[in-house]
C-alpha cells in the first residue's frame, strides 16, 4: 500500500468516535489542496527547522516563540537530546507509513520524551488524545533507541500552546485501534463519517456522496424548494446552524471541482472559466527605485503582537484597548457566556457571513 494514503496528520479521520474510513480511498490520486494558509505554514515550518538547526533568529514571531518553547523544554534536563524534523516509522501500524516530527526533546534523567508539533493555522488544536501526536509518539518509540517511560505531547500554536501526558500502555492501545481502522480504510470496508473536522481539509469533499446526502437533507431536500428563513421552524434553523461549516465546505468543494474541470477543458455543461479581475501591482524594482522619494512610503504602527515582543507588557497595555468583536452564533455547549439583548455588539451581515 502507498504510504501517502494514511499519514499521521489525517489519522483523525479514521479513528475516534466518528470515523470516516472511506475518506482514505476517496482521496487517492487527488491533487493536494493549496491555499495561502498552507503555503504560509510550509514557509514557517522551513524557517523553524533552519532556526532550530542553526541558532540564527528567523525574525518571525511565530517561529521565535516556537523555538523558545522547544529550547525551554530542553533546558529542563541536564543532558537533553533534541531532534528536529525527525522521520519516524509507522510501519508496524500502517503499511508503508511514516511521519516527520517537528521536534523531539528527550530527558534522560526522567526518561521523558516530549513530542512537539508546530501548528500555524487559526483553527485551535488540542494535544489531548491527538491522533497525529500519538502516532508520532508510537513512531518515536519504535524508531529511536531511547528508553522512554513518560510521553508528553505538545501543540505549539500561536495563542494556543498546550500539552498532554500519555502512558506507554495507552499508546499501544491506540496503536491497536490504528491497525483496525487502517484495515477498514485501505480495504474500503469502513464507513463514511461526514463531520466538520473530518471534512474540513478532505480533498474528496466535493464528490463525497455522504456529505452531499447530508447537505441536501439539511437544507431542505430539494434545491428548488428551499424554505424561506423566516418560515423555518426553530428545529430547522438549529439543524442548519449545527451544520453550517459542513454545508459551506461542501459548497466550496463543489465550486472548486467545477472550476478545476473548466480549467482542464472538461467543464460541467453550462459553466466556463473566465479570467479574474486584473489589478496593478508594484514590480520587483519599484521599492529600490522609489527609495529616494519619502512621500512614496507610508509609516504605520507595527502590530500589537509584534510590539509585545519588542516592548514591556505594561507599556503596551497602557497604549491598547480591547474592542468588542462582532456577535457570533454558537451552540449552547460552547463555553463562552451568552450576551444580553442590550449588549453593544455588531451583527454580521449576510455578505460578511
C-alpha atoms as a PDB file:
ATOM      1  CA  UNK A   1       0.000   0.000   0.000  1.00  0.00           C
ATOM      2  CA  UNK A   2       1.206   3.533  -0.746  1.00  0.00           C
ATOM      3  CA  UNK A   3       2.415   5.204   2.410  1.00  0.00           C
ATOM      4  CA  UNK A   4       0.798   8.502   1.430  1.00  0.00           C
ATOM      5  CA  UNK A   5      -2.739   7.141   1.763  1.00  0.00           C
ATOM      6  CA  UNK A   6      -2.675   7.401   5.559  1.00  0.00           C
ATOM      7  CA  UNK A   7      -0.391   9.901   7.254  1.00  0.00           C
ATOM      8  CA  UNK A   8      -0.268  10.934  10.930  1.00  0.00           C
ATOM      9  CA  UNK A   9      -1.925  14.241  10.033  1.00  0.00           C
ATOM     10  CA  UNK A  10      -5.065  12.576   8.653  1.00  0.00           C
ATOM     11  CA  UNK A  11      -5.347   9.698  11.135  1.00  0.00           C
ATOM     12  CA  UNK A  12      -8.035  11.650  12.977  1.00  0.00           C
ATOM     13  CA  UNK A  13     -10.429  10.848  10.137  1.00  0.00           C
ATOM     14  CA  UNK A  14     -10.347   7.094  10.669  1.00  0.00           C
ATOM     15  CA  UNK A  15     -10.034   6.764  14.454  1.00  0.00           C
ATOM     16  CA  UNK A  16     -12.232   8.113  17.209  1.00  0.00           C
ATOM     17  CA  UNK A  17     -15.953   8.270  17.845  1.00  0.00           C
ATOM     18  CA  UNK A  18     -16.974   9.357  14.320  1.00  0.00           C
ATOM     19  CA  UNK A  19     -14.575   7.729  11.854  1.00  0.00           C
ATOM     20  CA  UNK A  20     -14.653   8.262   8.107  1.00  0.00           C
ATOM     21  CA  UNK A  21     -12.720   5.254   6.824  1.00  0.00           C
ATOM     22  CA  UNK A  22     -13.860   5.754   3.232  1.00  0.00           C
ATOM     23  CA  UNK A  23     -12.208   9.179   3.030  1.00  0.00           C
ATOM     24  CA  UNK A  24      -8.827   7.449   2.575  1.00  0.00           C
ATOM     25  CA  UNK A  25      -9.655   5.724  -0.721  1.00  0.00           C
ATOM     26  CA  UNK A  26     -11.841   8.635  -1.831  1.00  0.00           C
ATOM     27  CA  UNK A  27      -8.821  10.987  -1.736  1.00  0.00           C
ATOM     28  CA  UNK A  28      -6.487   8.587  -3.526  1.00  0.00           C
ATOM     29  CA  UNK A  29      -4.924  10.216  -6.585  1.00  0.00           C
ATOM     30  CA  UNK A  30      -6.478  13.642  -5.938  1.00  0.00           C
ATOM     31  CA  UNK A  31      -4.120  16.648  -6.035  1.00  0.00           C
ATOM     32  CA  UNK A  32      -3.113  18.388  -2.825  1.00  0.00           C
ATOM     33  CA  UNK A  33      -5.214  21.411  -1.956  1.00  0.00           C
ATOM     34  CA  UNK A  34      -3.183  24.594  -1.910  1.00  0.00           C
ATOM     35  CA  UNK A  35      -4.095  27.804  -0.108  1.00  0.00           C
ATOM     36  CA  UNK A  36      -2.329  30.912   1.195  1.00  0.00           C
ATOM     37  CA  UNK A  37      -2.569  29.475   4.723  1.00  0.00           C
ATOM     38  CA  UNK A  38      -0.994  26.175   3.646  1.00  0.00           C
ATOM     39  CA  UNK A  39       1.807  27.980   1.811  1.00  0.00           C
ATOM     40  CA  UNK A  40       2.454  30.174   4.841  1.00  0.00           C
ATOM     41  CA  UNK A  41       2.548  27.087   7.061  1.00  0.00           C
ATOM     42  CA  UNK A  42       5.124  25.410   4.832  1.00  0.00           C
ATOM     43  CA  UNK A  43       7.282  28.544   4.860  1.00  0.00           C
ATOM     44  CA  UNK A  44       7.101  28.899   8.658  1.00  0.00           C
ATOM     45  CA  UNK A  45       7.980  25.240   9.211  1.00  0.00           C
ATOM     46  CA  UNK A  46      11.045  25.608   6.970  1.00  0.00           C
ATOM     47  CA  UNK A  47      12.094  28.715   8.891  1.00  0.00           C
ATOM     48  CA  UNK A  48      11.590  26.907  12.206  1.00  0.00           C
ATOM     49  CA  UNK A  49      13.753  23.976  11.098  1.00  0.00           C
ATOM     50  CA  UNK A  50      16.507  26.342   9.988  1.00  0.00           C
ATOM     51  CA  UNK A  51      16.330  28.417  13.180  1.00  0.00           C
ATOM     52  CA  UNK A  52      16.486  25.327  15.406  1.00  0.00           C
ATOM     53  CA  UNK A  53      19.418  23.822  13.492  1.00  0.00           C
ATOM     54  CA  UNK A  54      21.499  26.980  13.144  1.00  0.00           C
ATOM     55  CA  UNK A  55      20.506  29.013  16.194  1.00  0.00           C
ATOM     56  CA  UNK A  56      20.108  32.057  13.943  1.00  0.00           C
ATOM     57  CA  UNK A  57      16.918  34.031  14.758  1.00  0.00           C
ATOM     58  CA  UNK A  58      14.348  33.950  11.978  1.00  0.00           C
ATOM     59  CA  UNK A  59      12.820  37.347  12.719  1.00  0.00           C
ATOM     60  CA  UNK A  60       9.377  35.744  12.525  1.00  0.00           C
ATOM     61  CA  UNK A  61       7.480  35.972  15.886  1.00  0.00           C
ATOM     62  CA  UNK A  62       5.619  32.671  15.390  1.00  0.00           C
ATOM     63  CA  UNK A  63       8.875  30.837  14.727  1.00  0.00           C
ATOM     64  CA  UNK A  64      10.796  32.531  17.528  1.00  0.00           C
ATOM     65  CA  UNK A  65       8.087  31.689  20.062  1.00  0.00           C
ATOM     66  CA  UNK A  66       8.162  28.053  18.946  1.00  0.00           C
ATOM     67  CA  UNK A  67      11.962  27.823  19.111  1.00  0.00           C
ATOM     68  CA  UNK A  68      11.999  29.373  22.580  1.00  0.00           C
ATOM     69  CA  UNK A  69       9.407  26.842  23.723  1.00  0.00           C
ATOM     70  CA  UNK A  70      11.417  23.862  22.457  1.00  0.00           C
ATOM     71  CA  UNK A  71      14.656  25.181  23.953  1.00  0.00           C
ATOM     72  CA  UNK A  72      12.974  25.799  27.293  1.00  0.00           C
ATOM     73  CA  UNK A  73      11.836  22.167  27.337  1.00  0.00           C
ATOM     74  CA  UNK A  74      15.440  21.134  26.638  1.00  0.00           C
ATOM     75  CA  UNK A  75      16.780  23.276  29.490  1.00  0.00           C
ATOM     76  CA  UNK A  76      14.668  21.300  31.969  1.00  0.00           C
ATOM     77  CA  UNK A  77      17.163  18.400  31.859  1.00  0.00           C
ATOM     78  CA  UNK A  78      20.930  18.411  32.373  1.00  0.00           C
ATOM     79  CA  UNK A  79      21.752  16.432  29.220  1.00  0.00           C
ATOM     80  CA  UNK A  80      18.798  16.609  26.803  1.00  0.00           C
ATOM     81  CA  UNK A  81      18.587  15.157  23.320  1.00  0.00           C
ATOM     82  CA  UNK A  82      16.959  17.414  20.706  1.00  0.00           C
ATOM     83  CA  UNK A  83      15.879  16.101  17.313  1.00  0.00           C
ATOM     84  CA  UNK A  84      14.446  18.428  14.653  1.00  0.00           C
ATOM     85  CA  UNK A  85      12.306  17.300  11.699  1.00  0.00           C
ATOM     86  CA  UNK A  86      12.890  13.686  12.676  1.00  0.00           C
ATOM     87  CA  UNK A  87      11.374  10.989  10.477  1.00  0.00           C
ATOM     88  CA  UNK A  88       9.870   8.061  12.396  1.00  0.00           C
ATOM     89  CA  UNK A  89       8.467   4.777  11.080  1.00  0.00           C
ATOM     90  CA  UNK A  90       4.818   3.742  11.491  1.00  0.00           C
ATOM     91  CA  UNK A  91       5.237   0.516   9.524  1.00  0.00           C
ATOM     92  CA  UNK A  92       4.076  -1.611  12.453  1.00  0.00           C
ATOM     93  CA  UNK A  93       0.679   0.101  12.435  1.00  0.00           C
ATOM     94  CA  UNK A  94       0.247   1.495   8.901  1.00  0.00           C
ATOM     95  CA  UNK A  95       1.682  -0.312   5.866  1.00  0.00           C
ATOM     96  CA  UNK A  96       4.447   1.895   4.486  1.00  0.00           C
ATOM     97  CA  UNK A  97       3.565   4.613   6.985  1.00  0.00           C
ATOM     98  CA  UNK A  98       5.912   7.177   8.475  1.00  0.00           C
ATOM     99  CA  UNK A  99       5.801  10.625   9.985  1.00  0.00           C
ATOM    100  CA  UNK A 100       8.119  13.604  10.365  1.00  0.00           C
ATOM    101  CA  UNK A 101       8.072  15.161  13.820  1.00  0.00           C
ATOM    102  CA  UNK A 102       8.744  18.896  14.074  1.00  0.00           C
ATOM    103  CA  UNK A 103      10.738  18.471  17.291  1.00  0.00           C
ATOM    104  CA  UNK A 104      11.559  15.783  19.851  1.00  0.00           C
ATOM    105  CA  UNK A 105      13.127  16.546  23.227  1.00  0.00           C
ATOM    106  CA  UNK A 106      14.293  13.643  25.411  1.00  0.00           C
ATOM    107  CA  UNK A 107      15.094  13.968  29.123  1.00  0.00           C
ATOM    108  CA  UNK A 108      17.394  11.076  30.103  1.00  0.00           C
ATOM    109  CA  UNK A 109      17.084  11.767  33.830  1.00  0.00           C
ATOM    110  CA  UNK A 110      13.324  11.111  33.872  1.00  0.00           C
ATOM    111  CA  UNK A 111      13.158   9.070  30.653  1.00  0.00           C
ATOM    112  CA  UNK A 112      10.574  11.511  29.353  1.00  0.00           C
ATOM    113  CA  UNK A 113      10.062  12.151  25.649  1.00  0.00           C
ATOM    114  CA  UNK A 114       8.451  15.402  24.533  1.00  0.00           C
ATOM    115  CA  UNK A 115       6.829  15.367  21.079  1.00  0.00           C
ATOM    116  CA  UNK A 116       6.208  18.886  19.728  1.00  0.00           C
ATOM    117  CA  UNK A 117       4.067  19.724  16.706  1.00  0.00           C
ATOM    118  CA  UNK A 118       4.133  23.264  15.295  1.00  0.00           C
ATOM    119  CA  UNK A 119       0.718  24.452  14.086  1.00  0.00           C
ATOM    120  CA  UNK A 120       0.459  27.798  12.279  1.00  0.00           C
ATOM    121  CA  UNK A 121      -3.248  27.857  11.349  1.00  0.00           C
ATOM    122  CA  UNK A 122      -6.021  29.691  13.172  1.00  0.00           C
ATOM    123  CA  UNK A 123      -8.167  26.631  13.951  1.00  0.00           C
ATOM    124  CA  UNK A 124      -7.362  25.693  17.599  1.00  0.00           C
ATOM    125  CA  UNK A 125      -5.747  22.266  18.002  1.00  0.00           C
ATOM    126  CA  UNK A 126      -5.583  20.260  21.238  1.00  0.00           C
ATOM    127  CA  UNK A 127      -2.809  17.887  22.251  1.00  0.00           C
ATOM    128  CA  UNK A 128      -5.242  15.783  24.293  1.00  0.00           C
ATOM    129  CA  UNK A 129      -5.936  12.463  22.562  1.00  0.00           C
ATOM    130  CA  UNK A 130      -4.441  13.951  19.398  1.00  0.00           C
ATOM    131  CA  UNK A 131      -4.071  11.065  16.875  1.00  0.00           C
ATOM    132  CA  UNK A 132      -1.242  12.749  14.967  1.00  0.00           C
ATOM    133  CA  UNK A 133       0.857  13.305  18.082  1.00  0.00           C
ATOM    134  CA  UNK A 134       0.079   9.837  19.438  1.00  0.00           C
ATOM    135  CA  UNK A 135       1.190   8.350  16.114  1.00  0.00           C
ATOM    136  CA  UNK A 136       4.417  10.355  16.326  1.00  0.00           C
ATOM    137  CA  UNK A 137       4.957   9.001  19.845  1.00  0.00           C
ATOM    138  CA  UNK A 138       4.434   5.421  18.630  1.00  0.00           C
ATOM    139  CA  UNK A 139       6.846   6.031  15.769  1.00  0.00           C
ATOM    140  CA  UNK A 140       9.465   7.523  18.062  1.00  0.00           C
ATOM    141  CA  UNK A 141       9.122   4.594  20.442  1.00  0.00           C
ATOM    142  CA  UNK A 142       9.664   2.183  17.561  1.00  0.00           C
ATOM    143  CA  UNK A 143      12.339   4.129  15.649  1.00  0.00           C
ATOM    144  CA  UNK A 144      14.579   5.665  18.313  1.00  0.00           C
ATOM    145  CA  UNK A 145      16.926   3.801  20.606  1.00  0.00           C
ATOM    146  CA  UNK A 146      15.651   5.558  23.709  1.00  0.00           C
ATOM    147  CA  UNK A 147      14.358   4.147  26.993  1.00  0.00           C
ATOM    148  CA  UNK A 148      11.125   6.088  27.427  1.00  0.00           C
ATOM    149  CA  UNK A 149       8.720   5.841  30.353  1.00  0.00           C
ATOM    150  CA  UNK A 150       6.781   9.098  30.027  1.00  0.00           C
ATOM    151  CA  UNK A 151       5.410  10.749  26.900  1.00  0.00           C
ATOM    152  CA  UNK A 152       4.328  14.398  26.787  1.00  0.00           C
ATOM    153  CA  UNK A 153       2.588  15.607  23.623  1.00  0.00           C
ATOM    154  CA  UNK A 154       2.734  19.314  22.779  1.00  0.00           C
ATOM    155  CA  UNK A 155       0.870  21.587  20.368  1.00  0.00           C
ATOM    156  CA  UNK A 156       2.872  24.722  19.625  1.00  0.00           C
ATOM    157  CA  UNK A 157       0.368  27.141  18.088  1.00  0.00           C
ATOM    158  CA  UNK A 158       0.164  30.932  18.397  1.00  0.00           C
ATOM    159  CA  UNK A 159      -2.013  31.755  21.422  1.00  0.00           C
ATOM    160  CA  UNK A 160      -2.704  28.045  21.929  1.00  0.00           C
ATOM    161  CA  UNK A 161       0.290  26.254  23.457  1.00  0.00           C
ATOM    162  CA  UNK A 162      -0.951  23.133  25.263  1.00  0.00           C
ATOM    163  CA  UNK A 163       0.321  19.678  26.267  1.00  0.00           C
ATOM    164  CA  UNK A 164      -0.920  16.284  27.368  1.00  0.00           C
ATOM    165  CA  UNK A 165       0.785  13.317  29.048  1.00  0.00           C
ATOM    166  CA  UNK A 166       0.065   9.769  27.858  1.00  0.00           C
ATOM    167  CA  UNK A 167       1.325   6.403  29.093  1.00  0.00           C
ATOM    168  CA  UNK A 168       3.102   3.778  27.007  1.00  0.00           C
ATOM    169  CA  UNK A 169       0.207   1.385  27.630  1.00  0.00           C
ATOM    170  CA  UNK A 170      -2.348   3.870  26.286  1.00  0.00           C
ATOM    171  CA  UNK A 171      -0.160   4.461  23.238  1.00  0.00           C
ATOM    172  CA  UNK A 172      -0.084   0.740  22.449  1.00  0.00           C
ATOM    173  CA  UNK A 173      -3.881   0.592  22.870  1.00  0.00           C
ATOM    174  CA  UNK A 174      -4.127   3.462  20.403  1.00  0.00           C
ATOM    175  CA  UNK A 175      -1.831   1.562  18.056  1.00  0.00           C
ATOM    176  CA  UNK A 176      -4.236  -1.389  18.038  1.00  0.00           C
ATOM    177  CA  UNK A 177      -7.064   0.998  17.187  1.00  0.00           C
ATOM    178  CA  UNK A 178      -4.993   2.383  14.315  1.00  0.00           C
ATOM    179  CA  UNK A 179      -4.337  -1.107  12.944  1.00  0.00           C
ATOM    180  CA  UNK A 180      -8.058  -1.923  12.913  1.00  0.00           C
ATOM    181  CA  UNK A 181      -9.024   1.426  11.385  1.00  0.00           C
ATOM    182  CA  UNK A 182      -6.252   1.190   8.789  1.00  0.00           C
ATOM    183  CA  UNK A 183      -7.531  -2.207   7.622  1.00  0.00           C
ATOM    184  CA  UNK A 184     -11.062  -0.846   7.169  1.00  0.00           C
ATOM    185  CA  UNK A 185      -9.776   2.241   5.349  1.00  0.00           C
ATOM    186  CA  UNK A 186      -7.351   0.557   2.974  1.00  0.00           C
ATOM    187  CA  UNK A 187      -9.753  -2.277   2.171  1.00  0.00           C
ATOM    188  CA  UNK A 188     -12.542   0.293   1.685  1.00  0.00           C
ATOM    189  CA  UNK A 189     -14.786  -1.619   4.054  1.00  0.00           C
ATOM    190  CA  UNK A 190     -15.380   1.137   6.588  1.00  0.00           C
ATOM    191  CA  UNK A 191     -17.974   3.866   6.839  1.00  0.00           C
ATOM    192  CA  UNK A 192     -18.445   7.463   5.780  1.00  0.00           C
ATOM    193  CA  UNK A 193     -18.471   9.929   8.649  1.00  0.00           C
ATOM    194  CA  UNK A 194     -19.152  13.497   7.497  1.00  0.00           C
ATOM    195  CA  UNK A 195     -18.339  15.915  10.312  1.00  0.00           C
ATOM    196  CA  UNK A 196     -16.818  19.378  10.440  1.00  0.00           C
ATOM    197  CA  UNK A 197     -13.386  18.035  11.428  1.00  0.00           C
ATOM    198  CA  UNK A 198     -13.422  15.111   9.006  1.00  0.00           C
ATOM    199  CA  UNK A 199     -14.459  17.217   6.015  1.00  0.00           C
ATOM    200  CA  UNK A 200     -12.562  20.465   6.686  1.00  0.00           C
ATOM    201  CA  UNK A 201      -9.433  19.506   4.725  1.00  0.00           C
ATOM    202  CA  UNK A 202     -10.694  16.426   2.868  1.00  0.00           C
ATOM    203  CA  UNK A 203      -9.768  16.567  -0.806  1.00  0.00           C
ATOM    204  CA  UNK A 204     -12.780  14.425  -1.734  1.00  0.00           C
ATOM    205  CA  UNK A 205     -15.418  16.600  -0.059  1.00  0.00           C
ATOM    206  CA  UNK A 206     -16.719  17.923  -3.391  1.00  0.00           C
ATOM    207  CA  UNK A 207     -17.591  14.427  -4.649  1.00  0.00           C
ATOM    208  CA  UNK A 208     -18.435  12.748  -1.327  1.00  0.00           C
ATOM    209  CA  UNK A 209     -21.881  11.085  -1.565  1.00  0.00           C
ATOM    210  CA  UNK A 210     -22.357  11.050   2.202  1.00  0.00           C
ATOM    211  CA  UNK A 211     -21.616  14.764   2.572  1.00  0.00           C
ATOM    212  CA  UNK A 212     -23.850  15.517  -0.421  1.00  0.00           C
ATOM    213  CA  UNK A 213     -26.717  13.498   1.042  1.00  0.00           C
ATOM    214  CA  UNK A 214     -26.306  15.136   4.436  1.00  0.00           C
ATOM    215  CA  UNK A 215     -26.160  18.623   2.951  1.00  0.00           C
ATOM    216  CA  UNK A 216     -29.221  18.176   0.749  1.00  0.00           C
ATOM    217  CA  UNK A 217     -31.201  16.723   3.649  1.00  0.00           C
ATOM    218  CA  UNK A 218     -30.140  19.592   5.901  1.00  0.00           C
ATOM    219  CA  UNK A 219     -31.065  22.437   3.581  1.00  0.00           C
ATOM    220  CA  UNK A 220     -34.426  21.016   2.631  1.00  0.00           C
ATOM    221  CA  UNK A 221     -34.070  18.010   0.354  1.00  0.00           C
ATOM    222  CA  UNK A 222     -34.809  19.895  -2.865  1.00  0.00           C
ATOM    223  CA  UNK A 223     -32.731  22.805  -4.138  1.00  0.00           C
ATOM    224  CA  UNK A 224     -35.770  24.263  -5.912  1.00  0.00           C
ATOM    225  CA  UNK A 225     -37.850  24.332  -2.744  1.00  0.00           C
ATOM    226  CA  UNK A 226     -35.511  25.715  -0.088  1.00  0.00           C
ATOM    227  CA  UNK A 227     -37.520  27.090   2.833  1.00  0.00           C
ATOM    228  CA  UNK A 228     -37.589  30.839   3.375  1.00  0.00           C
ATOM    229  CA  UNK A 229     -35.533  31.506   6.551  1.00  0.00           C
ATOM    230  CA  UNK A 230     -38.341  33.449   8.230  1.00  0.00           C
ATOM    231  CA  UNK A 231     -40.679  30.480   7.688  1.00  0.00           C
ATOM    232  CA  UNK A 232     -38.337  27.870   9.151  1.00  0.00           C
ATOM    233  CA  UNK A 233     -39.035  26.237  12.497  1.00  0.00           C
ATOM    234  CA  UNK A 234     -36.556  26.521  15.371  1.00  0.00           C
ATOM    235  CA  UNK A 235     -35.639  22.875  14.816  1.00  0.00           C
ATOM    236  CA  UNK A 236     -34.856  23.534  11.138  1.00  0.00           C
ATOM    237  CA  UNK A 237     -32.806  26.627  11.974  1.00  0.00           C
ATOM    238  CA  UNK A 238     -30.821  24.725  14.628  1.00  0.00           C
ATOM    239  CA  UNK A 239     -30.087  21.952  12.134  1.00  0.00           C
ATOM    240  CA  UNK A 240     -28.664  24.449   9.640  1.00  0.00           C
ATOM    241  CA  UNK A 241     -26.610  26.253  12.312  1.00  0.00           C
ATOM    242  CA  UNK A 242     -25.180  22.941  13.559  1.00  0.00           C
ATOM    243  CA  UNK A 243     -24.130  22.017  10.027  1.00  0.00           C
ATOM    244  CA  UNK A 244     -23.168  25.478   8.726  1.00  0.00           C
ATOM    245  CA  UNK A 245     -19.462  24.686   8.305  1.00  0.00           C
ATOM    246  CA  UNK A 246     -20.161  21.346   6.651  1.00  0.00           C
ATOM    247  CA  UNK A 247     -22.578  22.937   4.197  1.00  0.00           C
ATOM    248  CA  UNK A 248     -20.088  25.694   3.365  1.00  0.00           C
ATOM    249  CA  UNK A 249     -17.318  23.127   2.967  1.00  0.00           C
ATOM    250  CA  UNK A 250     -19.421  21.078   0.549  1.00  0.00           C
ATOM    251  CA  UNK A 251     -20.479  24.106  -1.496  1.00  0.00           C
ATOM    252  CA  UNK A 252     -16.889  25.349  -1.693  1.00  0.00           C
ATOM    253  CA  UNK A 253     -15.598  21.928  -2.674  1.00  0.00           C
ATOM    254  CA  UNK A 254     -18.178  21.574  -5.450  1.00  0.00           C
ATOM    255  CA  UNK A 255     -17.229  25.015  -6.769  1.00  0.00           C
ATOM    256  CA  UNK A 256     -13.504  24.119  -6.701  1.00  0.00           C
ATOM    257  CA  UNK A 257     -14.234  20.859  -8.506  1.00  0.00           C
ATOM    258  CA  UNK A 258     -16.219  22.639 -11.235  1.00  0.00           C
ATOM    259  CA  UNK A 259     -13.542  25.324 -11.630  1.00  0.00           C
ATOM    260  CA  UNK A 260     -10.822  22.695 -11.890  1.00  0.00           C
ATOM    261  CA  UNK A 261     -12.733  20.889 -14.604  1.00  0.00           C
ATOM    262  CA  UNK A 262     -13.276  24.099 -16.534  1.00  0.00           C
ATOM    263  CA  UNK A 263      -9.571  24.930 -16.350  1.00  0.00           C
ATOM    264  CA  UNK A 264      -8.807  21.407 -17.602  1.00  0.00           C
ATOM    265  CA  UNK A 265     -11.063  21.943 -20.643  1.00  0.00           C
ATOM    266  CA  UNK A 266     -13.659  19.476 -19.374  1.00  0.00           C
ATOM    267  CA  UNK A 267     -16.220  21.938 -17.972  1.00  0.00           C
ATOM    268  CA  UNK A 268     -19.513  20.956 -16.425  1.00  0.00           C
ATOM    269  CA  UNK A 269     -22.193  21.692 -19.011  1.00  0.00           C
ATOM    270  CA  UNK A 270     -23.394  25.261 -18.586  1.00  0.00           C
ATOM    271  CA  UNK A 271     -20.181  26.567 -16.972  1.00  0.00           C
ATOM    272  CA  UNK A 272     -16.906  28.091 -18.134  1.00  0.00           C
ATOM    273  CA  UNK A 273     -13.793  29.592 -16.552  1.00  0.00           C
ATOM    274  CA  UNK A 274     -13.018  33.254 -17.119  1.00  0.00           C
ATOM    275  CA  UNK A 275     -10.101  35.470 -16.099  1.00  0.00           C
ATOM    276  CA  UNK A 276     -10.449  37.197 -12.754  1.00  0.00           C
ATOM    277  CA  UNK A 277     -10.327  40.953 -12.401  1.00  0.00           C
ATOM    278  CA  UNK A 278      -6.797  42.214 -13.061  1.00  0.00           C
ATOM    279  CA  UNK A 279      -5.078  44.793 -10.875  1.00  0.00           C
ATOM    280  CA  UNK A 280      -1.806  46.676 -10.962  1.00  0.00           C
ATOM    281  CA  UNK A 281       0.960  45.703  -8.526  1.00  0.00           C
ATOM    282  CA  UNK A 282       4.484  47.025  -7.975  1.00  0.00           C
ATOM    283  CA  UNK A 283       7.226  45.107  -9.751  1.00  0.00           C
ATOM    284  CA  UNK A 284      10.405  43.873  -8.016  1.00  0.00           C
ATOM    285  CA  UNK A 285      12.360  47.056  -8.815  1.00  0.00           C
ATOM    286  CA  UNK A 286       9.798  49.557  -7.540  1.00  0.00           C
ATOM    287  CA  UNK A 287      10.877  49.797  -3.881  1.00  0.00           C
ATOM    288  CA  UNK A 288      14.552  50.412  -4.716  1.00  0.00           C
ATOM    289  CA  UNK A 289      13.787  52.993  -7.376  1.00  0.00           C
ATOM    290  CA  UNK A 290      11.371  54.886  -5.122  1.00  0.00           C
ATOM    291  CA  UNK A 291      13.608  54.785  -2.038  1.00  0.00           C
ATOM    292  CA  UNK A 292      14.764  58.410  -2.519  1.00  0.00           C
ATOM    293  CA  UNK A 293      11.170  59.725  -2.518  1.00  0.00           C
ATOM    294  CA  UNK A 294       9.930  59.873   1.115  1.00  0.00           C
ATOM    295  CA  UNK A 295       6.367  60.599   0.006  1.00  0.00           C
ATOM    296  CA  UNK A 296       6.227  57.203  -1.737  1.00  0.00           C
ATOM    297  CA  UNK A 297       6.218  55.343   1.582  1.00  0.00           C
ATOM    298  CA  UNK A 298       3.653  55.185   4.355  1.00  0.00           C
ATOM    299  CA  UNK A 299       4.568  54.982   8.038  1.00  0.00           C
ATOM    300  CA  UNK A 300       2.307  52.835  10.209  1.00  0.00           C
ATOM    301  CA  UNK A 301       2.395  51.223  13.628  1.00  0.00           C
ATOM    302  CA  UNK A 302       3.578  47.673  13.957  1.00  0.00           C
ATOM    303  CA  UNK A 303       1.053  45.065  15.096  1.00  0.00           C
ATOM    304  CA  UNK A 304       0.338  44.692  18.815  1.00  0.00           C
ATOM    305  CA  UNK A 305       1.690  41.119  18.865  1.00  0.00           C
ATOM    306  CA  UNK A 306       4.982  42.347  17.412  1.00  0.00           C
ATOM    307  CA  UNK A 307       5.029  45.215  19.928  1.00  0.00           C
ATOM    308  CA  UNK A 308       4.618  42.728  22.790  1.00  0.00           C
ATOM    309  CA  UNK A 309       7.898  41.128  21.692  1.00  0.00           C
ATOM    310  CA  UNK A 310       9.683  44.472  21.416  1.00  0.00           C
ATOM    311  CA  UNK A 311       8.413  46.413  24.432  1.00  0.00           C
ATOM    312  CA  UNK A 312       7.371  45.745  28.012  1.00  0.00           C
ATOM    313  CA  UNK A 313       3.916  44.293  28.590  1.00  0.00           C
ATOM    314  CA  UNK A 314       2.968  47.141  30.946  1.00  0.00           C
ATOM    315  CA  UNK A 315       3.939  49.794  28.405  1.00  0.00           C
ATOM    316  CA  UNK A 316       1.989  48.136  25.584  1.00  0.00           C
ATOM    317  CA  UNK A 317      -1.067  47.566  27.816  1.00  0.00           C
ATOM    318  CA  UNK A 318      -1.126  51.279  28.601  1.00  0.00           C
ATOM    319  CA  UNK A 319      -1.450  52.052  24.901  1.00  0.00           C
ATOM    320  CA  UNK A 320      -4.084  49.494  23.931  1.00  0.00           C
ATOM    321  CA  UNK A 321      -7.791  48.949  24.476  1.00  0.00           C
ATOM    322  CA  UNK A 322      -9.947  45.898  23.858  1.00  0.00           C
ATOM    323  CA  UNK A 323     -12.808  46.407  21.442  1.00  0.00           C
ATOM    324  CA  UNK A 324     -15.745  44.034  21.317  1.00  0.00           C
ATOM    325  CA  UNK A 325     -15.853  41.802  18.278  1.00  0.00           C
ATOM    326  CA  UNK A 326     -18.915  41.049  16.205  1.00  0.00           C
ATOM    327  CA  UNK A 327     -21.570  38.853  17.772  1.00  0.00           C
ATOM    328  CA  UNK A 328     -21.289  35.182  16.863  1.00  0.00           C
ATOM    329  CA  UNK A 329     -23.876  32.429  16.961  1.00  0.00           C
ATOM    330  CA  UNK A 330     -22.719  29.187  18.601  1.00  0.00           C
ATOM    331  CA  UNK A 331     -24.360  26.135  20.143  1.00  0.00           C
ATOM    332  CA  UNK A 332     -25.378  26.030  23.815  1.00  0.00           C
ATOM    333  CA  UNK A 333     -22.473  23.681  24.556  1.00  0.00           C
ATOM    334  CA  UNK A 334     -19.936  26.475  23.844  1.00  0.00           C
ATOM    335  CA  UNK A 335     -18.070  27.538  26.992  1.00  0.00           C
ATOM    336  CA  UNK A 336     -18.477  31.304  26.445  1.00  0.00           C
ATOM    337  CA  UNK A 337     -21.370  33.066  28.256  1.00  0.00           C
ATOM    338  CA  UNK A 338     -24.306  34.337  26.215  1.00  0.00           C
ATOM    339  CA  UNK A 339     -24.528  38.098  25.611  1.00  0.00           C
ATOM    340  CA  UNK A 340     -27.629  40.022  26.607  1.00  0.00           C
ATOM    341  CA  UNK A 341     -30.104  41.768  24.353  1.00  0.00           C
ATOM    342  CA  UNK A 342     -28.840  45.172  25.448  1.00  0.00           C
ATOM    343  CA  UNK A 343     -25.121  44.460  24.969  1.00  0.00           C
ATOM    344  CA  UNK A 344     -23.358  46.576  22.347  1.00  0.00           C
ATOM    345  CA  UNK A 345     -22.200  44.046  19.766  1.00  0.00           C
ATOM    346  CA  UNK A 346     -22.085  44.360  15.996  1.00  0.00           C
ATOM    347  CA  UNK A 347     -24.111  41.846  13.988  1.00  0.00           C
ATOM    348  CA  UNK A 348     -22.616  40.305  10.880  1.00  0.00           C
ATOM    349  CA  UNK A 349     -24.466  40.987   7.653  1.00  0.00           C
ATOM    350  CA  UNK A 350     -25.390  38.262   5.186  1.00  0.00           C
ATOM    351  CA  UNK A 351     -22.451  39.321   2.962  1.00  0.00           C
ATOM    352  CA  UNK A 352     -19.964  39.167   5.875  1.00  0.00           C
ATOM    353  CA  UNK A 353     -21.152  35.702   6.874  1.00  0.00           C
END
